[in-house]
Amino acid sequence: MKKLILLSMLAILSISANAQSFALVDMEYILNHIDNYTKANYELNQLSKKVQEQIDAVKKDAANLYRDYQKNLSTLTPEEKRKRQDAIMDKEKKAAEVKLKYFGPQGELAKKRSEMLSPIQDAVYTVIKQISEKRGYSMVIDRSSETAGIIYGSPAIDISNEVLQSLGSISN
């Protein structure tokens, strides 16, 4: 009986010794409490609104040209129709180009956002990593709804190579 209790306690201790510790962070909360981040976000939102207003103005011009074209359609010569259609298409094309230039995946706003926010996000990540290593956390998980996911994972708990070895896909 004593041996069974001793073995049980030993098993429990070895399991808890191997237990990984995790931490949670709320990145949205952290970032919203960093003055430089909120200022940069505000500037980006203002720039975004300004560009959107420019795009809307060009679209409005195109809509006005189209309305005028429709109103005068019966009196226009074929040459005048073509010129007005071209003018409308040019305005719509310009609006699309400005939108892509600023709001596209490689657009000016994406570049500006990366330029302004990445250093702050990198600093937060560095601090999270330092705290995690200091306190022995194997993993830090973001609990905020916007960016939920793993923020930091200790390389010690990464079993990717072991999985590949078991599958025979990697050699030592």
N, C-alpha and C. Protein backbone atom coordinates (compact mmCIF):
# COMPACT_ATOMS: atom_id res chain seq x y z
N MET A 1 0.83 -1.19 0.00
CA MET A 1 0.00 0.00 0.00
C MET A 1 0.87 1.25 0.00
N LYS A 2 1.91 1.25 0.87
CA LYS A 2 2.81 2.40 0.91
C LYS A 2 3.51 2.59 -0.43
N LYS A 3 3.87 1.48 -1.08
CA LYS A 3 4.53 1.56 -2.37
C LYS A 3 3.60 2.16 -3.42
N LEU A 4 2.32 1.79 -3.36
CA LEU A 4 1.34 2.32 -4.32
C LEU A 4 1.16 3.82 -4.13
N ILE A 5 1.07 4.26 -2.90
CA ILE A 5 0.93 5.69 -2.61
C ILE A 5 2.19 6.43 -3.05
N LEU A 6 3.35 5.86 -2.75
CA LEU A 6 4.61 6.47 -3.14
C LEU A 6 4.73 6.57 -4.66
N LEU A 7 4.36 5.50 -5.36
CA LEU A 7 4.39 5.51 -6.82
C LEU A 7 3.41 6.55 -7.38
N SER A 8 2.23 6.64 -6.78
CA SER A 8 1.23 7.63 -7.23
C SER A 8 1.75 9.04 -7.05
N MET A 9 2.34 9.31 -5.89
CA MET A 9 2.88 10.65 -5.64
C MET A 9 4.03 10.96 -6.59
N LEU A 10 4.88 9.97 -6.85
CA LEU A 10 5.99 10.15 -7.77
C LEU A 10 5.48 10.44 -9.19
N ALA A 11 4.43 9.75 -9.60
CA ALA A 11 3.84 9.97 -10.93
C ALA A 11 3.25 11.37 -11.03
N ILE A 12 2.55 11.78 -9.98
CA ILE A 12 1.94 13.12 -9.97
C ILE A 12 3.02 14.19 -10.02
N LEU A 13 4.09 14.02 -9.25
CA LEU A 13 5.18 14.99 -9.25
C LEU A 13 5.87 15.05 -10.61
N SER A 14 6.07 13.92 -11.24
CA SER A 14 6.74 13.94 -12.55
C SER A 14 5.85 14.57 -13.61
N ILE A 15 4.55 14.35 -13.51
CA ILE A 15 3.62 14.98 -14.46
C ILE A 15 3.62 16.49 -14.27
N SER A 16 3.56 16.95 -13.02
CA SER A 16 3.54 18.39 -12.79
C SER A 16 4.88 19.03 -13.13
N ALA A 17 5.97 18.27 -13.02
CA ALA A 17 7.28 18.81 -13.39
C ALA A 17 7.37 19.03 -14.89
N ASN A 18 6.68 18.21 -15.65
CA ASN A 18 6.69 18.35 -17.10
C ASN A 18 5.60 19.29 -17.60
N ALA A 19 4.75 19.74 -16.72
CA ALA A 19 3.64 20.61 -17.14
C ALA A 19 4.19 21.92 -17.71
N GLN A 20 3.58 22.35 -18.77
CA GLN A 20 3.98 23.60 -19.40
C GLN A 20 3.18 24.73 -18.77
N SER A 21 3.79 25.88 -18.63
CA SER A 21 3.05 27.02 -18.11
C SER A 21 2.75 28.00 -19.24
N PHE A 22 1.57 28.55 -19.18
CA PHE A 22 1.09 29.44 -20.22
C PHE A 22 0.68 30.76 -19.60
N ALA A 23 0.63 31.79 -20.42
CA ALA A 23 0.17 33.10 -19.97
C ALA A 23 -0.76 33.68 -21.03
N LEU A 24 -1.61 34.59 -20.60
CA LEU A 24 -2.51 35.29 -21.50
C LEU A 24 -2.17 36.77 -21.50
N VAL A 25 -2.30 37.39 -22.65
CA VAL A 25 -2.19 38.84 -22.75
C VAL A 25 -3.36 39.34 -23.59
N ASP A 26 -3.69 40.59 -23.39
CA ASP A 26 -4.72 41.24 -24.21
C ASP A 26 -4.01 42.32 -25.01
N MET A 27 -3.61 41.97 -26.23
CA MET A 27 -2.83 42.89 -27.06
C MET A 27 -3.59 44.18 -27.35
N GLU A 28 -4.88 44.05 -27.56
CA GLU A 28 -5.69 45.24 -27.83
C GLU A 28 -5.61 46.21 -26.65
N TYR A 29 -5.73 45.68 -25.44
CA TYR A 29 -5.64 46.49 -24.22
C TYR A 29 -4.25 47.12 -24.10
N ILE A 30 -3.22 46.32 -24.32
CA ILE A 30 -1.84 46.81 -24.21
C ILE A 30 -1.59 47.93 -25.21
N LEU A 31 -1.91 47.67 -26.48
CA LEU A 31 -1.63 48.65 -27.53
C LEU A 31 -2.44 49.93 -27.33
N ASN A 32 -3.68 49.81 -26.87
CA ASN A 32 -4.50 51.00 -26.65
C ASN A 32 -4.04 51.84 -25.47
N HIS A 33 -3.14 51.29 -24.66
CA HIS A 33 -2.59 52.05 -23.53
C HIS A 33 -1.17 52.55 -23.80
N ILE A 34 -0.74 52.46 -25.03
CA ILE A 34 0.57 53.00 -25.42
C ILE A 34 0.30 54.26 -26.24
N ASP A 35 0.72 55.40 -25.70
CA ASP A 35 0.42 56.69 -26.33
C ASP A 35 0.87 56.77 -27.78
N ASN A 36 2.09 56.32 -28.07
CA ASN A 36 2.59 56.39 -29.45
C ASN A 36 1.73 55.57 -30.40
N TYR A 37 1.22 54.45 -29.92
CA TYR A 37 0.38 53.59 -30.77
C TYR A 37 -0.96 54.27 -31.05
N THR A 38 -1.58 54.83 -30.02
CA THR A 38 -2.88 55.49 -30.24
C THR A 38 -2.73 56.73 -31.11
N LYS A 39 -1.63 57.47 -30.94
CA LYS A 39 -1.38 58.64 -31.79
C LYS A 39 -1.17 58.22 -33.24
N ALA A 40 -0.37 57.19 -33.44
CA ALA A 40 -0.11 56.70 -34.81
C ALA A 40 -1.39 56.19 -35.45
N ASN A 41 -2.19 55.47 -34.69
CA ASN A 41 -3.47 54.97 -35.20
C ASN A 41 -4.39 56.12 -35.59
N TYR A 42 -4.41 57.15 -34.76
CA TYR A 42 -5.24 58.32 -35.05
C TYR A 42 -4.79 58.99 -36.36
N GLU A 43 -3.48 59.18 -36.49
CA GLU A 43 -2.93 59.79 -37.72
C GLU A 43 -3.28 58.95 -38.95
N LEU A 44 -3.16 57.65 -38.82
CA LEU A 44 -3.48 56.76 -39.95
C LEU A 44 -4.97 56.85 -40.31
N ASN A 45 -5.81 56.91 -39.30
CA ASN A 45 -7.26 57.03 -39.56
C ASN A 45 -7.59 58.36 -40.24
N GLN A 46 -6.92 59.43 -39.81
CA GLN A 46 -7.14 60.74 -40.43
C GLN A 46 -6.70 60.72 -41.89
N LEU A 47 -5.54 60.14 -42.14
CA LEU A 47 -5.03 60.04 -43.51
C LEU A 47 -5.97 59.20 -44.38
N SER A 48 -6.46 58.13 -43.81
CA SER A 48 -7.40 57.26 -44.51
C SER A 48 -8.68 58.01 -44.88
N LYS A 49 -9.20 58.79 -43.94
CA LYS A 49 -10.42 59.57 -44.21
C LYS A 49 -10.16 60.60 -45.31
N LYS A 50 -9.00 61.25 -45.26
CA LYS A 50 -8.66 62.27 -46.25
C LYS A 50 -8.59 61.65 -47.66
N VAL A 51 -7.94 60.52 -47.77
CA VAL A 51 -7.83 59.85 -49.07
C VAL A 51 -9.20 59.38 -49.54
N GLN A 52 -10.00 58.85 -48.61
CA GLN A 52 -11.34 58.39 -48.99
C GLN A 52 -12.20 59.55 -49.48
N GLU A 53 -12.04 60.72 -48.88
CA GLU A 53 -12.77 61.91 -49.34
C GLU A 53 -12.36 62.28 -50.77
N GLN A 54 -11.07 62.16 -51.07
CA GLN A 54 -10.59 62.43 -52.43
C GLN A 54 -11.20 61.44 -53.42
N ILE A 55 -11.22 60.19 -53.05
CA ILE A 55 -11.80 59.15 -53.92
C ILE A 55 -13.29 59.42 -54.12
N ASP A 56 -13.99 59.75 -53.03
CA ASP A 56 -15.42 60.03 -53.12
C ASP A 56 -15.70 61.23 -54.02
N ALA A 57 -14.83 62.25 -53.96
CA ALA A 57 -15.00 63.44 -54.80
C ALA A 57 -14.86 63.08 -56.28
N VAL A 58 -13.89 62.24 -56.61
CA VAL A 58 -13.70 61.82 -58.01
C VAL A 58 -14.89 60.97 -58.46
N LYS A 59 -15.37 60.09 -57.58
CA LYS A 59 -16.54 59.28 -57.92
C LYS A 59 -17.78 60.15 -58.12
N LYS A 60 -17.90 61.18 -57.30
CA LYS A 60 -19.04 62.10 -57.44
C LYS A 60 -18.95 62.83 -58.78
N ASP A 61 -17.74 63.26 -59.16
CA ASP A 61 -17.55 63.89 -60.47
C ASP A 61 -17.98 62.95 -61.59
N ALA A 62 -17.60 61.69 -61.48
CA ALA A 62 -17.97 60.70 -62.50
C ALA A 62 -19.49 60.52 -62.54
N ALA A 63 -20.11 60.49 -61.38
CA ALA A 63 -21.58 60.34 -61.32
C ALA A 63 -22.27 61.55 -61.94
N ASN A 64 -21.73 62.76 -61.67
CA ASN A 64 -22.31 63.97 -62.27
C ASN A 64 -22.15 63.97 -63.79
N LEU A 65 -20.98 63.57 -64.25
CA LEU A 65 -20.76 63.47 -65.70
C LEU A 65 -21.74 62.48 -66.33
N TYR A 66 -21.96 61.36 -65.66
CA TYR A 66 -22.87 60.34 -66.18
C TYR A 66 -24.31 60.86 -66.20
N ARG A 67 -24.70 61.54 -65.13
CA ARG A 67 -26.06 62.11 -65.06
C ARG A 67 -26.27 63.12 -66.20
N ASP A 68 -25.27 63.96 -66.40
CA ASP A 68 -25.35 64.95 -67.48
C ASP A 68 -25.39 64.25 -68.84
N TYR A 69 -24.61 63.22 -68.98
CA TYR A 69 -24.58 62.44 -70.22
C TYR A 69 -25.97 61.83 -70.49
N GLN A 70 -26.56 61.23 -69.49
CA GLN A 70 -27.88 60.62 -69.65
C GLN A 70 -28.94 61.66 -70.00
N LYS A 71 -28.84 62.82 -69.37
CA LYS A 71 -29.82 63.89 -69.61
C LYS A 71 -29.75 64.39 -71.06
N ASN A 72 -28.57 64.48 -71.60
CA ASN A 72 -28.37 65.05 -72.94
C ASN A 72 -28.14 63.99 -74.03
N LEU A 73 -28.35 62.75 -73.71
CA LEU A 73 -28.04 61.65 -74.62
C LEU A 73 -28.70 61.78 -75.98
N SER A 74 -29.94 62.20 -75.98
CA SER A 74 -30.68 62.27 -77.26
C SER A 74 -30.17 63.38 -78.17
N THR A 75 -29.52 64.38 -77.63
CA THR A 75 -29.05 65.51 -78.45
C THR A 75 -27.57 65.41 -78.83
N LEU A 76 -26.88 64.42 -78.30
CA LEU A 76 -25.44 64.30 -78.56
C LEU A 76 -25.15 63.58 -79.87
N THR A 77 -24.12 64.05 -80.54
CA THR A 77 -23.65 63.36 -81.75
C THR A 77 -22.86 62.13 -81.31
N PRO A 78 -22.65 61.17 -82.18
CA PRO A 78 -21.86 59.99 -81.81
C PRO A 78 -20.46 60.36 -81.28
N GLU A 79 -19.84 61.37 -81.85
CA GLU A 79 -18.52 61.81 -81.39
C GLU A 79 -18.59 62.37 -79.98
N GLU A 80 -19.61 63.19 -79.69
CA GLU A 80 -19.79 63.76 -78.35
C GLU A 80 -20.10 62.66 -77.34
N LYS A 81 -20.89 61.67 -77.73
CA LYS A 81 -21.19 60.54 -76.84
C LYS A 81 -19.90 59.83 -76.44
N ARG A 82 -19.06 59.54 -77.43
CA ARG A 82 -17.81 58.83 -77.17
C ARG A 82 -16.91 59.64 -76.25
N LYS A 83 -16.81 60.96 -76.49
CA LYS A 83 -15.97 61.83 -75.65
C LYS A 83 -16.46 61.83 -74.21
N ARG A 84 -17.76 61.93 -74.04
CA ARG A 84 -18.31 61.96 -72.67
C ARG A 84 -18.16 60.60 -71.99
N GLN A 85 -18.37 59.54 -72.74
CA GLN A 85 -18.16 58.20 -72.17
C GLN A 85 -16.71 58.02 -71.74
N ASP A 86 -15.80 58.49 -72.57
CA ASP A 86 -14.37 58.42 -72.23
C ASP A 86 -14.06 59.23 -70.98
N ALA A 87 -14.67 60.41 -70.88
CA ALA A 87 -14.44 61.27 -69.70
C ALA A 87 -14.95 60.58 -68.43
N ILE A 88 -16.12 59.95 -68.53
CA ILE A 88 -16.69 59.23 -67.38
C ILE A 88 -15.78 58.06 -67.00
N MET A 89 -15.36 57.31 -68.00
CA MET A 89 -14.48 56.15 -67.74
C MET A 89 -13.14 56.59 -67.14
N ASP A 90 -12.61 57.71 -67.61
CA ASP A 90 -11.35 58.23 -67.07
C ASP A 90 -11.49 58.58 -65.59
N LYS A 91 -12.61 59.22 -65.23
CA LYS A 91 -12.85 59.58 -63.82
C LYS A 91 -12.96 58.33 -62.96
N GLU A 92 -13.71 57.34 -63.43
CA GLU A 92 -13.87 56.10 -62.67
C GLU A 92 -12.54 55.36 -62.54
N LYS A 93 -11.76 55.38 -63.61
CA LYS A 93 -10.44 54.75 -63.59
C LYS A 93 -9.52 55.46 -62.60
N LYS A 94 -9.57 56.79 -62.60
CA LYS A 94 -8.74 57.56 -61.67
C LYS A 94 -9.10 57.23 -60.22
N ALA A 95 -10.40 57.13 -59.93
CA ALA A 95 -10.84 56.79 -58.58
C ALA A 95 -10.32 55.41 -58.18
N ALA A 96 -10.40 54.46 -59.10
CA ALA A 96 -9.92 53.10 -58.82
C ALA A 96 -8.41 53.08 -58.60
N GLU A 97 -7.68 53.87 -59.39
CA GLU A 97 -6.22 53.93 -59.26
C GLU A 97 -5.81 54.53 -57.92
N VAL A 98 -6.49 55.61 -57.52
CA VAL A 98 -6.17 56.25 -56.23
C VAL A 98 -6.48 55.28 -55.10
N LYS A 99 -7.61 54.58 -55.21
CA LYS A 99 -8.00 53.61 -54.18
C LYS A 99 -6.95 52.51 -54.05
N LEU A 100 -6.51 51.98 -55.18
CA LEU A 100 -5.49 50.93 -55.17
C LEU A 100 -4.15 51.46 -54.65
N LYS A 101 -3.80 52.66 -55.06
CA LYS A 101 -2.53 53.26 -54.65
C LYS A 101 -2.44 53.40 -53.13
N TYR A 102 -3.55 53.79 -52.50
CA TYR A 102 -3.53 54.02 -51.06
C TYR A 102 -4.03 52.84 -50.24
N PHE A 103 -5.10 52.19 -50.71
CA PHE A 103 -5.74 51.15 -49.90
C PHE A 103 -5.41 49.73 -50.33
N GLY A 104 -4.67 49.56 -51.41
CA GLY A 104 -4.30 48.22 -51.87
C GLY A 104 -3.36 47.53 -50.90
N PRO A 105 -3.14 46.23 -51.09
CA PRO A 105 -2.27 45.48 -50.18
C PRO A 105 -0.85 46.04 -50.10
N GLN A 106 -0.37 46.60 -51.18
CA GLN A 106 0.96 47.22 -51.20
C GLN A 106 0.83 48.74 -51.25
N GLY A 107 -0.31 49.24 -50.85
CA GLY A 107 -0.60 50.66 -50.95
C GLY A 107 0.13 51.52 -49.93
N GLU A 108 0.02 52.81 -50.15
CA GLU A 108 0.69 53.79 -49.30
C GLU A 108 0.25 53.68 -47.84
N LEU A 109 -1.04 53.45 -47.61
CA LEU A 109 -1.52 53.34 -46.23
C LEU A 109 -0.97 52.09 -45.54
N ALA A 110 -0.89 50.98 -46.26
CA ALA A 110 -0.33 49.76 -45.68
C ALA A 110 1.14 49.97 -45.32
N LYS A 111 1.86 50.65 -46.20
CA LYS A 111 3.28 50.93 -45.93
C LYS A 111 3.42 51.86 -44.74
N LYS A 112 2.60 52.90 -44.71
CA LYS A 112 2.65 53.87 -43.61
C LYS A 112 2.27 53.19 -42.29
N ARG A 113 1.25 52.33 -42.33
CA ARG A 113 0.81 51.60 -41.13
C ARG A 113 1.96 50.73 -40.61
N SER A 114 2.60 50.02 -41.52
CA SER A 114 3.73 49.17 -41.12
C SER A 114 4.87 50.01 -40.56
N GLU A 115 5.17 51.11 -41.22
CA GLU A 115 6.25 52.00 -40.80
C GLU A 115 5.99 52.57 -39.40
N MET A 116 4.75 52.93 -39.13
CA MET A 116 4.43 53.58 -37.86
C MET A 116 4.16 52.60 -36.72
N LEU A 117 3.52 51.47 -37.02
CA LEU A 117 3.07 50.58 -35.96
C LEU A 117 4.01 49.40 -35.69
N SER A 118 4.74 48.95 -36.69
CA SER A 118 5.62 47.79 -36.51
C SER A 118 6.65 47.97 -35.40
N PRO A 119 7.32 49.12 -35.30
CA PRO A 119 8.29 49.27 -34.21
C PRO A 119 7.65 49.14 -32.82
N ILE A 120 6.44 49.65 -32.68
CA ILE A 120 5.74 49.56 -31.40
C ILE A 120 5.36 48.11 -31.13
N GLN A 121 4.80 47.43 -32.13
CA GLN A 121 4.41 46.03 -31.97
C GLN A 121 5.63 45.15 -31.70
N ASP A 122 6.74 45.44 -32.36
CA ASP A 122 7.98 44.68 -32.13
C ASP A 122 8.47 44.87 -30.70
N ALA A 123 8.38 46.09 -30.19
CA ALA A 123 8.81 46.36 -28.81
C ALA A 123 7.93 45.59 -27.82
N VAL A 124 6.63 45.56 -28.07
CA VAL A 124 5.71 44.81 -27.19
C VAL A 124 6.06 43.32 -27.24
N TYR A 125 6.29 42.79 -28.44
CA TYR A 125 6.66 41.38 -28.58
C TYR A 125 7.95 41.08 -27.81
N THR A 126 8.94 41.96 -27.92
CA THR A 126 10.21 41.75 -27.23
C THR A 126 10.01 41.68 -25.72
N VAL A 127 9.18 42.58 -25.19
CA VAL A 127 8.91 42.59 -23.75
C VAL A 127 8.17 41.32 -23.34
N ILE A 128 7.19 40.91 -24.15
CA ILE A 128 6.45 39.67 -23.85
C ILE A 128 7.40 38.48 -23.83
N LYS A 129 8.29 38.42 -24.79
CA LYS A 129 9.26 37.33 -24.87
C LYS A 129 10.18 37.33 -23.65
N GLN A 130 10.67 38.52 -23.25
CA GLN A 130 11.55 38.62 -22.09
C GLN A 130 10.85 38.16 -20.82
N ILE A 131 9.62 38.63 -20.62
CA ILE A 131 8.85 38.24 -19.43
C ILE A 131 8.59 36.73 -19.46
N SER A 132 8.26 36.20 -20.63
CA SER A 132 7.97 34.77 -20.77
C SER A 132 9.19 33.93 -20.42
N GLU A 133 10.34 34.32 -20.92
CA GLU A 133 11.56 33.57 -20.63
C GLU A 133 11.94 33.70 -19.15
N LYS A 134 11.75 34.88 -18.59
CA LYS A 134 12.08 35.12 -17.18
C LYS A 134 11.19 34.29 -16.25
N ARG A 135 9.90 34.22 -16.59
CA ARG A 135 8.94 33.51 -15.73
C ARG A 135 8.75 32.04 -16.13
N GLY A 136 9.39 31.64 -17.21
CA GLY A 136 9.32 30.24 -17.62
C GLY A 136 8.05 29.85 -18.36
N TYR A 137 7.39 30.82 -18.98
CA TYR A 137 6.19 30.49 -19.76
C TYR A 137 6.61 29.83 -21.07
N SER A 138 5.94 28.76 -21.39
CA SER A 138 6.21 28.08 -22.66
C SER A 138 5.49 28.75 -23.81
N MET A 139 4.36 29.37 -23.49
CA MET A 139 3.55 29.97 -24.54
C MET A 139 2.75 31.14 -23.97
N VAL A 140 2.60 32.18 -24.80
CA VAL A 140 1.76 33.33 -24.44
C VAL A 140 0.69 33.44 -25.52
N ILE A 141 -0.55 33.49 -25.07
CA ILE A 141 -1.69 33.53 -25.99
C ILE A 141 -2.39 34.87 -25.85
N ASP A 142 -2.71 35.46 -26.99
CA ASP A 142 -3.45 36.73 -27.02
C ASP A 142 -4.94 36.42 -26.89
N ARG A 143 -5.59 37.04 -25.94
CA ARG A 143 -7.01 36.77 -25.74
C ARG A 143 -7.91 37.85 -26.32
N SER A 144 -7.33 38.90 -26.90
CA SER A 144 -8.16 39.95 -27.48
C SER A 144 -8.84 39.44 -28.74
N SER A 145 -10.02 39.95 -29.00
CA SER A 145 -10.81 39.46 -30.12
C SER A 145 -10.19 39.84 -31.46
N GLU A 146 -9.48 40.96 -31.51
CA GLU A 146 -8.95 41.46 -32.78
C GLU A 146 -7.77 40.63 -33.30
N THR A 147 -6.87 40.27 -32.41
CA THR A 147 -5.65 39.59 -32.85
C THR A 147 -5.43 38.25 -32.18
N ALA A 148 -6.48 37.62 -31.71
CA ALA A 148 -6.36 36.38 -30.95
C ALA A 148 -5.44 35.37 -31.64
N GLY A 149 -4.53 34.82 -30.86
CA GLY A 149 -3.59 33.83 -31.37
C GLY A 149 -2.40 33.71 -30.45
N ILE A 150 -1.44 32.92 -30.87
CA ILE A 150 -0.24 32.72 -30.06
C ILE A 150 0.72 33.87 -30.34
N ILE A 151 1.16 34.54 -29.30
CA ILE A 151 2.09 35.66 -29.40
C ILE A 151 3.52 35.16 -29.31
N TYR A 152 3.75 34.24 -28.39
CA TYR A 152 5.10 33.73 -28.18
C TYR A 152 5.00 32.25 -27.87
N GLY A 153 5.86 31.48 -28.47
CA GLY A 153 5.95 30.05 -28.17
C GLY A 153 7.41 29.69 -27.99
N SER A 154 7.71 29.07 -26.88
CA SER A 154 9.09 28.67 -26.62
C SER A 154 9.52 27.62 -27.64
N PRO A 155 10.70 27.80 -28.21
CA PRO A 155 11.19 26.79 -29.16
C PRO A 155 11.31 25.40 -28.51
N ALA A 156 11.43 25.38 -27.18
CA ALA A 156 11.58 24.11 -26.47
C ALA A 156 10.34 23.23 -26.58
N ILE A 157 9.17 23.83 -26.81
CA ILE A 157 7.95 23.02 -26.91
C ILE A 157 7.54 22.77 -28.36
N ASP A 158 8.36 23.21 -29.30
CA ASP A 158 8.08 22.99 -30.73
C ASP A 158 8.51 21.57 -31.10
N ILE A 159 7.56 20.76 -31.53
CA ILE A 159 7.86 19.37 -31.88
C ILE A 159 7.80 19.14 -33.40
N SER A 160 7.90 20.20 -34.17
CA SER A 160 7.78 20.09 -35.63
C SER A 160 8.80 19.12 -36.22
N ASN A 161 10.06 19.25 -35.83
CA ASN A 161 11.10 18.36 -36.38
C ASN A 161 10.87 16.91 -35.95
N GLU A 162 10.41 16.72 -34.71
CA GLU A 162 10.12 15.37 -34.23
C GLU A 162 9.00 14.73 -35.05
N VAL A 163 7.98 15.52 -35.38
CA VAL A 163 6.89 15.02 -36.22
C VAL A 163 7.42 14.64 -37.60
N LEU A 164 8.25 15.52 -38.17
CA LEU A 164 8.82 15.22 -39.49
C LEU A 164 9.72 13.98 -39.46
N GLN A 165 10.48 13.83 -38.38
CA GLN A 165 11.33 12.65 -38.25
C GLN A 165 10.49 11.38 -38.18
N SER A 166 9.41 11.45 -37.42
CA SER A 166 8.52 10.29 -37.31
C SER A 166 7.88 9.95 -38.65
N LEU A 167 7.65 10.97 -39.44
CA LEU A 167 7.09 10.75 -40.77
C LEU A 167 8.15 10.34 -41.78
N GLY A 168 9.41 10.43 -41.37
CA GLY A 168 10.51 10.09 -42.26
C GLY A 168 10.83 11.18 -43.27
N SER A 169 10.42 12.40 -42.97
CA SER A 169 10.61 13.51 -43.91
C SER A 169 11.84 14.34 -43.64
N ILE A 170 12.55 14.07 -42.55
CA ILE A 170 13.74 14.87 -42.23
C ILE A 170 14.80 13.94 -41.65
N SER A 171 16.03 14.24 -41.91
CA SER A 171 17.11 13.42 -41.36
C SER A 171 17.87 14.22 -40.32
N ASN A 172 18.50 13.51 -39.39
CA ASN A 172 19.27 14.18 -38.34
C ASN A 172 20.53 14.75 -38.85
